[in-house]
Amino acid sequence: MQEALLALVVFCFLALGFWPMKLLDRYLEEDQEPAGQEDQVCEPSCIILTEDMTDEEVNAEICCYREKHRHAKILLYDNQERNVT
């Protein structure tokens, strides 16, 4: 008889513990959704500097990009193919 009563008490504690944990899981899932959406909205990882931009515009673009990306490394190259003879 005591074992059945003990089993019933343990079962009640497990059932009552499951309900608040389910609510906690639901709350944490709702809390995590906005954080995931913030990651999707991010700054571009590259900028395009064209030949029709002035030196001041190029400098402004680079400065703006460096403010948002502190550890960026900038690589400049010419896109035109050249024949080496």
PDB file of N, CA and C in Angstrom:
ATOM      1  N   MET A   1       0.809  -1.190   0.000  1.00  0.00           N
ATOM      2  CA  MET A   1       0.000   0.000   0.000  1.00  0.00           C
ATOM      3  C   MET A   1       0.864   1.270   0.000  1.00  0.00           C
ATOM      4  N   GLN A   2       1.926   1.227   0.785  1.00  0.00           N
ATOM      5  CA  GLN A   2       2.807   2.394   0.871  1.00  0.00           C
ATOM      6  C   GLN A   2       3.517   2.639  -0.466  1.00  0.00           C
ATOM      7  N   GLU A   3       3.861   1.535  -1.128  1.00  0.00           N
ATOM      8  CA  GLU A   3       4.547   1.683  -2.411  1.00  0.00           C
ATOM      9  C   GLU A   3       3.625   2.300  -3.455  1.00  0.00           C
ATOM     10  N   ALA A   4       2.359   1.936  -3.441  1.00  0.00           N
ATOM     11  CA  ALA A   4       1.400   2.502  -4.386  1.00  0.00           C
ATOM     12  C   ALA A   4       1.194   3.983  -4.102  1.00  0.00           C
ATOM     13  N   LEU A   5       1.117   4.338  -2.819  1.00  0.00           N
ATOM     14  CA  LEU A   5       0.963   5.745  -2.438  1.00  0.00           C
ATOM     15  C   LEU A   5       2.201   6.541  -2.851  1.00  0.00           C
ATOM     16  N   LEU A   6       3.386   5.976  -2.651  1.00  0.00           N
ATOM     17  CA  LEU A   6       4.628   6.640  -3.045  1.00  0.00           C
ATOM     18  C   LEU A   6       4.677   6.825  -4.566  1.00  0.00           C
ATOM     19  N   ALA A   7       4.286   5.792  -5.295  1.00  0.00           N
ATOM     20  CA  ALA A   7       4.267   5.887  -6.755  1.00  0.00           C
ATOM     21  C   ALA A   7       3.280   6.953  -7.211  1.00  0.00           C
ATOM     22  N   LEU A   8       2.127   7.058  -6.559  1.00  0.00           N
ATOM     23  CA  LEU A   8       1.130   8.070  -6.901  1.00  0.00           C
ATOM     24  C   LEU A   8       1.659   9.478  -6.633  1.00  0.00           C
ATOM     25  N   VAL A   9       2.347   9.658  -5.511  1.00  0.00           N
ATOM     26  CA  VAL A   9       2.907  10.971  -5.160  1.00  0.00           C
ATOM     27  C   VAL A   9       3.997  11.358  -6.173  1.00  0.00           C
ATOM     28  N   VAL A  10       4.855  10.411  -6.513  1.00  0.00           N
ATOM     29  CA  VAL A  10       5.922  10.699  -7.482  1.00  0.00           C
ATOM     30  C   VAL A  10       5.314  11.044  -8.837  1.00  0.00           C
ATOM     31  N   PHE A  11       4.297  10.307  -9.257  1.00  0.00           N
ATOM     32  CA  PHE A  11       3.630  10.588 -10.518  1.00  0.00           C
ATOM     33  C   PHE A  11       3.014  11.981 -10.512  1.00  0.00           C
ATOM     34  N   CYS A  12       2.384  12.385  -9.388  1.00  0.00           N
ATOM     35  CA  CYS A  12       1.783  13.725  -9.287  1.00  0.00           C
ATOM     36  C   CYS A  12       2.853  14.809  -9.392  1.00  0.00           C
ATOM     37  N   PHE A  13       3.998  14.609  -8.737  1.00  0.00           N
ATOM     38  CA  PHE A  13       5.071  15.593  -8.827  1.00  0.00           C
ATOM     39  C   PHE A  13       5.608  15.702 -10.257  1.00  0.00           C
ATOM     40  N   LEU A  14       5.744  14.577 -10.935  1.00  0.00           N
ATOM     41  CA  LEU A  14       6.211  14.602 -12.320  1.00  0.00           C
ATOM     42  C   LEU A  14       5.209  15.311 -13.227  1.00  0.00           C
ATOM     43  N   ALA A  15       3.922  15.022 -13.041  1.00  0.00           N
ATOM     44  CA  ALA A  15       2.890  15.650 -13.869  1.00  0.00           C
ATOM     45  C   ALA A  15       2.808  17.146 -13.599  1.00  0.00           C
ATOM     46  N   LEU A  16       2.889  17.532 -12.336  1.00  0.00           N
ATOM     47  CA  LEU A  16       2.829  18.955 -11.998  1.00  0.00           C
ATOM     48  C   LEU A  16       4.103  19.691 -12.412  1.00  0.00           C
ATOM     49  N   GLY A  17       5.221  18.997 -12.490  1.00  0.00           N
ATOM     50  CA  GLY A  17       6.468  19.618 -12.947  1.00  0.00           C
ATOM     51  C   GLY A  17       6.501  19.769 -14.452  1.00  0.00           C
ATOM     52  N   PHE A  18       5.828  18.867 -15.157  1.00  0.00           N
ATOM     53  CA  PHE A  18       5.812  18.923 -16.618  1.00  0.00           C
ATOM     54  C   PHE A  18       5.066  20.144 -17.123  1.00  0.00           C
ATOM     55  N   TRP A  19       3.966  20.509 -16.494  1.00  0.00           N
ATOM     56  CA  TRP A  19       3.138  21.630 -16.935  1.00  0.00           C
ATOM     57  C   TRP A  19       3.878  22.968 -16.892  1.00  0.00           C
ATOM     58  N   PRO A  20       4.510  23.350 -15.749  1.00  0.00           N
ATOM     59  CA  PRO A  20       5.234  24.636 -15.770  1.00  0.00           C
ATOM     60  C   PRO A  20       6.447  24.633 -16.710  1.00  0.00           C
ATOM     61  N   MET A  21       7.078  23.488 -16.880  1.00  0.00           N
ATOM     62  CA  MET A  21       8.218  23.431 -17.794  1.00  0.00           C
ATOM     63  C   MET A  21       7.759  23.611 -19.241  1.00  0.00           C
ATOM     64  N   LYS A  22       6.586  23.099 -19.575  1.00  0.00           N
ATOM     65  CA  LYS A  22       6.034  23.295 -20.922  1.00  0.00           C
ATOM     66  C   LYS A  22       5.744  24.777 -21.150  1.00  0.00           C
ATOM     67  N   LEU A  23       5.212  25.454 -20.137  1.00  0.00           N
ATOM     68  CA  LEU A  23       4.972  26.895 -20.254  1.00  0.00           C
ATOM     69  C   LEU A  23       6.287  27.665 -20.385  1.00  0.00           C
ATOM     70  N   LEU A  24       7.288  27.232 -19.645  1.00  0.00           N
ATOM     71  CA  LEU A  24       8.595  27.882 -19.722  1.00  0.00           C
ATOM     72  C   LEU A  24       9.212  27.698 -21.114  1.00  0.00           C
ATOM     73  N   ASP A  25       9.096  26.510 -21.678  1.00  0.00           N
ATOM     74  CA  ASP A  25       9.598  26.268 -23.029  1.00  0.00           C
ATOM     75  C   ASP A  25       8.907  27.169 -24.046  1.00  0.00           C
ATOM     76  N   ARG A  26       7.601  27.293 -23.928  1.00  0.00           N
ATOM     77  CA  ARG A  26       6.845  28.142 -24.855  1.00  0.00           C
ATOM     78  C   ARG A  26       7.297  29.604 -24.726  1.00  0.00           C
ATOM     79  N   TYR A  27       7.512  30.075 -23.499  1.00  0.00           N
ATOM     80  CA  TYR A  27       7.965  31.444 -23.269  1.00  0.00           C
ATOM     81  C   TYR A  27       9.358  31.665 -23.872  1.00  0.00           C
ATOM     82  N   LEU A  28      10.254  30.719 -23.667  1.00  0.00           N
ATOM     83  CA  LEU A  28      11.612  30.870 -24.185  1.00  0.00           C
ATOM     84  C   LEU A  28      11.634  30.837 -25.711  1.00  0.00           C
ATOM     85  N   GLU A  29      10.789  30.037 -26.340  1.00  0.00           N
ATOM     86  CA  GLU A  29      10.713  30.022 -27.795  1.00  0.00           C
ATOM     87  C   GLU A  29      10.226  31.361 -28.336  1.00  0.00           C
ATOM     88  N   GLU A  30       9.239  31.960 -27.686  1.00  0.00           N
ATOM     89  CA  GLU A  30       8.750  33.270 -28.117  1.00  0.00           C
ATOM     90  C   GLU A  30       9.810  34.331 -27.919  1.00  0.00           C
ATOM     91  N   ASP A  31      10.592  34.201 -26.855  1.00  0.00           N
ATOM     92  CA  ASP A  31      11.634  35.174 -26.558  1.00  0.00           C
ATOM     93  C   ASP A  31      12.777  35.078 -27.568  1.00  0.00           C
ATOM     94  N   GLN A  32      13.051  33.904 -28.102  1.00  0.00           N
ATOM     95  CA  GLN A  32      14.149  33.718 -29.035  1.00  0.00           C
ATOM     96  C   GLN A  32      13.807  34.158 -30.452  1.00  0.00           C
ATOM     97  N   GLU A  33      12.554  34.200 -30.847  1.00  0.00           N
ATOM     98  CA  GLU A  33      12.181  34.560 -32.213  1.00  0.00           C
ATOM     99  C   GLU A  33      12.635  35.959 -32.622  1.00  0.00           C
ATOM    100  N   PRO A  34      12.462  36.994 -31.803  1.00  0.00           N
ATOM    101  CA  PRO A  34      12.952  38.312 -32.238  1.00  0.00           C
ATOM    102  C   PRO A  34      14.465  38.363 -32.392  1.00  0.00           C
ATOM    103  N   ALA A  35      15.198  37.622 -31.593  1.00  0.00           N
ATOM    104  CA  ALA A  35      16.654  37.630 -31.708  1.00  0.00           C
ATOM    105  C   ALA A  35      17.074  37.033 -33.038  1.00  0.00           C
ATOM    106  N   GLY A  36      16.401  36.006 -33.501  1.00  0.00           N
ATOM    107  CA  GLY A  36      16.718  35.415 -34.794  1.00  0.00           C
ATOM    108  C   GLY A  36      16.410  36.360 -35.935  1.00  0.00           C
ATOM    109  N   GLN A  37      15.355  37.157 -35.794  1.00  0.00           N
ATOM    110  CA  GLN A  37      14.994  38.101 -36.839  1.00  0.00           C
ATOM    111  C   GLN A  37      15.993  39.238 -36.918  1.00  0.00           C
ATOM    112  N   GLU A  38      16.586  39.632 -35.804  1.00  0.00           N
ATOM    113  CA  GLU A  38      17.584  40.693 -35.816  1.00  0.00           C
ATOM    114  C   GLU A  38      18.819  40.264 -36.581  1.00  0.00           C
ATOM    115  N   ASP A  39      19.157  38.978 -36.493  1.00  0.00           N
ATOM    116  CA  ASP A  39      20.323  38.492 -37.207  1.00  0.00           C
ATOM    117  C   ASP A  39      20.122  38.551 -38.709  1.00  0.00           C
ATOM    118  N   GLN A  40      18.893  38.415 -39.179  1.00  0.00           N
ATOM    119  CA  GLN A  40      18.639  38.434 -40.597  1.00  0.00           C
ATOM    120  C   GLN A  40      18.801  39.831 -41.186  1.00  0.00           C
ATOM    121  N   VAL A  41      18.546  40.854 -40.401  1.00  0.00           N
ATOM    122  CA  VAL A  41      18.696  42.231 -40.873  1.00  0.00           C
ATOM    123  C   VAL A  41      20.116  42.664 -40.519  1.00  0.00           C
ATOM    124  N   CYS A  42      20.971  42.716 -41.518  1.00  0.00           N
ATOM    125  CA  CYS A  42      22.351  43.093 -41.251  1.00  0.00           C
ATOM    126  C   CYS A  42      22.867  43.987 -42.367  1.00  0.00           C
ATOM    127  N   GLU A  43      23.965  44.589 -42.103  1.00  0.00           N
ATOM    128  CA  GLU A  43      24.594  45.488 -43.056  1.00  0.00           C
ATOM    129  C   GLU A  43      25.212  44.667 -44.191  1.00  0.00           C
ATOM    130  N   PRO A  44      25.347  45.252 -45.356  1.00  0.00           N
ATOM    131  CA  PRO A  44      25.977  44.507 -46.454  1.00  0.00           C
ATOM    132  C   PRO A  44      27.440  44.225 -46.137  1.00  0.00           C
ATOM    133  N   SER A  45      27.924  43.102 -46.633  1.00  0.00           N
ATOM    134  CA  SER A  45      29.304  42.735 -46.361  1.00  0.00           C
ATOM    135  C   SER A  45      30.259  43.240 -47.436  1.00  0.00           C
ATOM    136  N   CYS A  46      29.718  43.908 -48.452  1.00  0.00           N
ATOM    137  CA  CYS A  46      30.587  44.473 -49.477  1.00  0.00           C
ATOM    138  C   CYS A  46      29.961  45.757 -50.018  1.00  0.00           C
ATOM    139  N   ILE A  47      30.813  46.595 -50.590  1.00  0.00           N
ATOM    140  CA  ILE A  47      30.341  47.803 -51.250  1.00  0.00           C
ATOM    141  C   ILE A  47      30.982  47.848 -52.630  1.00  0.00           C
ATOM    142  N   ILE A  48      30.319  48.504 -53.538  1.00  0.00           N
ATOM    143  CA  ILE A  48      30.843  48.621 -54.902  1.00  0.00           C
ATOM    144  C   ILE A  48      31.218  50.078 -55.157  1.00  0.00           C
ATOM    145  N   LEU A  49      32.445  50.274 -55.513  1.00  0.00           N
ATOM    146  CA  LEU A  49      32.942  51.604 -55.842  1.00  0.00           C
ATOM    147  C   LEU A  49      33.124  51.647 -57.351  1.00  0.00           C
ATOM    148  N   THR A  50      32.371  52.497 -58.012  1.00  0.00           N
ATOM    149  CA  THR A  50      32.416  52.546 -59.469  1.00  0.00           C
ATOM    150  C   THR A  50      33.333  53.667 -59.947  1.00  0.00           C
ATOM    151  N   GLU A  51      33.639  53.627 -61.243  1.00  0.00           N
ATOM    152  CA  GLU A  51      34.566  54.624 -61.798  1.00  0.00           C
ATOM    153  C   GLU A  51      33.943  56.005 -61.905  1.00  0.00           C
ATOM    154  N   ASP A  52      32.620  56.107 -61.871  1.00  0.00           N
ATOM    155  CA  ASP A  52      32.004  57.429 -61.989  1.00  0.00           C
ATOM    156  C   ASP A  52      31.870  58.138 -60.640  1.00  0.00           C
ATOM    157  N   MET A  53      32.362  57.524 -59.565  1.00  0.00           N
ATOM    158  CA  MET A  53      32.323  58.166 -58.248  1.00  0.00           C
ATOM    159  C   MET A  53      33.535  59.081 -58.089  1.00  0.00           C
ATOM    160  N   THR A  54      33.324  60.180 -57.397  1.00  0.00           N
ATOM    161  CA  THR A  54      34.448  61.087 -57.131  1.00  0.00           C
ATOM    162  C   THR A  54      35.274  60.527 -55.976  1.00  0.00           C
ATOM    163  N   ASP A  55      36.449  61.091 -55.803  1.00  0.00           N
ATOM    164  CA  ASP A  55      37.315  60.650 -54.714  1.00  0.00           C
ATOM    165  C   ASP A  55      36.652  60.870 -53.354  1.00  0.00           C
ATOM    166  N   GLU A  56      35.923  61.964 -53.223  1.00  0.00           N
ATOM    167  CA  GLU A  56      35.239  62.248 -51.962  1.00  0.00           C
ATOM    168  C   GLU A  56      34.143  61.220 -51.672  1.00  0.00           C
ATOM    169  N   GLU A  57      33.415  60.820 -52.713  1.00  0.00           N
ATOM    170  CA  GLU A  57      32.363  59.819 -52.543  1.00  0.00           C
ATOM    171  C   GLU A  57      32.951  58.459 -52.169  1.00  0.00           C
ATOM    172  N   VAL A  58      34.060  58.121 -52.811  1.00  0.00           N
ATOM    173  CA  VAL A  58      34.729  56.857 -52.491  1.00  0.00           C
ATOM    174  C   VAL A  58      35.211  56.874 -51.049  1.00  0.00           C
ATOM    175  N   ASN A  59      35.809  57.968 -50.652  1.00  0.00           N
ATOM    176  CA  ASN A  59      36.305  58.098 -49.284  1.00  0.00           C
ATOM    177  C   ASN A  59      35.155  58.035 -48.272  1.00  0.00           C
ATOM    178  N   ALA A  60      34.043  58.680 -48.583  1.00  0.00           N
ATOM    179  CA  ALA A  60      32.889  58.654 -47.684  1.00  0.00           C
ATOM    180  C   ALA A  60      32.325  57.238 -47.552  1.00  0.00           C
ATOM    181  N   GLU A  61      32.242  56.500 -48.657  1.00  0.00           N
ATOM    182  CA  GLU A  61      31.743  55.122 -48.623  1.00  0.00           C
ATOM    183  C   GLU A  61      32.653  54.234 -47.781  1.00  0.00           C
ATOM    184  N   ILE A  62      33.950  54.383 -47.960  1.00  0.00           N
ATOM    185  CA  ILE A  62      34.901  53.574 -47.202  1.00  0.00           C
ATOM    186  C   ILE A  62      34.827  53.914 -45.716  1.00  0.00           C
ATOM    187  N   CYS A  63      34.756  55.176 -45.377  1.00  0.00           N
ATOM    188  CA  CYS A  63      34.662  55.583 -43.977  1.00  0.00           C
ATOM    189  C   CYS A  63      33.385  55.070 -43.330  1.00  0.00           C
ATOM    190  N   CYS A  64      32.280  55.163 -44.034  1.00  0.00           N
ATOM    191  CA  CYS A  64      30.998  54.677 -43.516  1.00  0.00           C
ATOM    192  C   CYS A  64      31.044  53.165 -43.295  1.00  0.00           C
ATOM    193  N   TYR A  65      31.635  52.461 -44.234  1.00  0.00           N
ATOM    194  CA  TYR A  65      31.735  51.007 -44.118  1.00  0.00           C
ATOM    195  C   TYR A  65      32.624  50.620 -42.942  1.00  0.00           C
ATOM    196  N   ARG A  66      33.725  51.317 -42.756  1.00  0.00           N
ATOM    197  CA  ARG A  66      34.650  51.006 -41.664  1.00  0.00           C
ATOM    198  C   ARG A  66      34.042  51.301 -40.296  1.00  0.00           C
ATOM    199  N   GLU A  67      33.136  52.273 -40.218  1.00  0.00           N
ATOM    200  CA  GLU A  67      32.468  52.545 -38.940  1.00  0.00           C
ATOM    201  C   GLU A  67      31.591  51.372 -38.519  1.00  0.00           C
ATOM    202  N   LYS A  68      30.964  50.725 -39.483  1.00  0.00           N
ATOM    203  CA  LYS A  68      30.055  49.612 -39.180  1.00  0.00           C
ATOM    204  C   LYS A  68      30.785  48.282 -39.073  1.00  0.00           C
ATOM    205  N   HIS A  69      31.931  48.163 -39.735  1.00  0.00           N
ATOM    206  CA  HIS A  69      32.704  46.923 -39.749  1.00  0.00           C
ATOM    207  C   HIS A  69      34.123  47.260 -39.303  1.00  0.00           C
ATOM    208  N   ARG A  70      34.335  47.229 -38.006  1.00  0.00           N
ATOM    209  CA  ARG A  70      35.613  47.681 -37.440  1.00  0.00           C
ATOM    210  C   ARG A  70      36.811  46.855 -37.910  1.00  0.00           C
ATOM    211  N   HIS A  71      36.646  45.565 -38.072  1.00  0.00           N
ATOM    212  CA  HIS A  71      37.775  44.699 -38.395  1.00  0.00           C
ATOM    213  C   HIS A  71      37.804  44.322 -39.872  1.00  0.00           C
ATOM    214  N   ALA A  72      37.288  45.190 -40.716  1.00  0.00           N
ATOM    215  CA  ALA A  72      37.229  44.900 -42.152  1.00  0.00           C
ATOM    216  C   ALA A  72      38.603  45.090 -42.784  1.00  0.00           C
ATOM    217  N   LYS A  73      38.853  44.283 -43.780  1.00  0.00           N
ATOM    218  CA  LYS A  73      40.051  44.439 -44.594  1.00  0.00           C
ATOM    219  C   LYS A  73      39.574  44.827 -45.983  1.00  0.00           C
ATOM    220  N   ILE A  74      40.177  45.828 -46.546  1.00  0.00           N
ATOM    221  CA  ILE A  74      39.718  46.367 -47.819  1.00  0.00           C
ATOM    222  C   ILE A  74      40.670  45.924 -48.922  1.00  0.00           C
ATOM    223  N   LEU A  75      40.087  45.366 -49.968  1.00  0.00           N
ATOM    224  CA  LEU A  75      40.839  44.911 -51.125  1.00  0.00           C
ATOM    225  C   LEU A  75      40.309  45.656 -52.343  1.00  0.00           C
ATOM    226  N   LEU A  76      41.178  46.344 -53.044  1.00  0.00           N
ATOM    227  CA  LEU A  76      40.809  47.054 -54.262  1.00  0.00           C
ATOM    228  C   LEU A  76      41.451  46.344 -55.441  1.00  0.00           C
ATOM    229  N   TYR A  77      40.666  46.085 -56.482  1.00  0.00           N
ATOM    230  CA  TYR A  77      41.222  45.465 -57.676  1.00  0.00           C
ATOM    231  C   TYR A  77      40.497  45.983 -58.903  1.00  0.00           C
ATOM    232  N   ASP A  78      41.155  45.866 -60.028  1.00  0.00           N
ATOM    233  CA  ASP A  78      40.594  46.309 -61.299  1.00  0.00           C
ATOM    234  C   ASP A  78      39.929  45.112 -61.960  1.00  0.00           C
ATOM    235  N   ASN A  79      38.725  45.282 -62.407  1.00  0.00           N
ATOM    236  CA  ASN A  79      37.903  44.214 -62.945  1.00  0.00           C
ATOM    237  C   ASN A  79      38.201  43.933 -64.418  1.00  0.00           C
ATOM    238  N   GLN A  80      38.963  44.750 -65.054  1.00  0.00           N
ATOM    239  CA  GLN A  80      39.216  44.594 -66.491  1.00  0.00           C
ATOM    240  C   GLN A  80      40.268  43.534 -66.749  1.00  0.00           C
ATOM    241  N   GLU A  81      40.032  42.769 -67.838  1.00  0.00           N
ATOM    242  CA  GLU A  81      41.019  41.785 -68.252  1.00  0.00           C
ATOM    243  C   GLU A  81      42.094  42.472 -69.085  1.00  0.00           C
ATOM    244  N   ARG A  82      43.300  42.104 -68.883  1.00  0.00           N
ATOM    245  CA  ARG A  82      44.396  42.708 -69.618  1.00  0.00           C
ATOM    246  C   ARG A  82      45.215  41.620 -70.281  1.00  0.00           C
ATOM    247  N   ASN A  83      45.634  41.885 -71.481  1.00  0.00           N
ATOM    248  CA  ASN A  83      46.502  40.942 -72.188  1.00  0.00           C
ATOM    249  C   ASN A  83      47.947  41.244 -71.831  1.00  0.00           C
ATOM    250  N   VAL A  84      48.595  40.246 -71.298  1.00  0.00           N
ATOM    251  CA  VAL A  84      50.004  40.403 -70.946  1.00  0.00           C
ATOM    252  C   VAL A  84      50.833  39.829 -72.107  1.00  0.00           C
ATOM    253  N   THR A  85      51.614  40.690 -72.748  1.00  0.00           N
ATOM    254  CA  THR A  85      52.433  40.231 -73.876  1.00  0.00           C
ATOM    255  C   THR A  85      53.887  40.350 -73.590  1.00  0.00           C
TER     256      THR A  85
END
